[in-house]
Amino acid sequence: MGQAKDSILRHKIVSDRLKGLSFTAISVQYGIGYNTVRSICHRYLSEGEAGIIPRTSNCGRRVTFQSELAFRFVRLISHKHPSWGIPYILTRIRVYFPDLELQSERHYQRRIKRHIGSPPAPVLPKSAPVDRARAPHDTWQIDAKERLQFTETPDQQGCFLNITDEKTTALLEAKSFPPGSD
């Protein structure tokens, strides 16, 4: 997305153009696009010094009476019903006021959050440091998988037990139950 060029840069571009430099040379010199240089120079020629001033008033979303009215309405309902979310509020408004022009859900969520302010982030207690195994066989992990169907006897369920070393992640023992179903 393009950015507005400040007045100082615009003055330099126009003065370089009046000295006889080409649009290409100026765009390479200042590292901006050819068309940007060309439009700045043409605006200066048609409007004079007033053409050099950036028009930042043209930026952003247009605020109309209807859009501001819709925001105030959404904000009022949100205040009266704090448990309702913006999507639900907009759905209800669209049912009862189909002619009202509404903007996106995210637009209202951002504006209401900015208007009300966000609640402070919760302070979570710090978790205790976890002791990890420093050498092999310091800690073993035992994991069981229950109610497995064996292919040989589909009507019988079993259990599978794994014993692994935490440090090396080596499988120490694997046993299936009931006994004799190995």
Foldseek 3Di string as FASTA:
>chain_A
DDDDDALVLLVVLQVVVVVPDQLVVSCVVVVHDSVVSVQSNVQCVVPNSVSSHDDCVPDDDDDDPLAVVVLVVLLVVCVVPVVDAQVVSVVVCCVVPVPRDYDDSVVSVVVNCVVVPDDDDDDDDDDDDDDADPDWPPDKDKDKDWQPADPVHRVDGKMKIWIATRPVRHTDDIDIDPPPPD
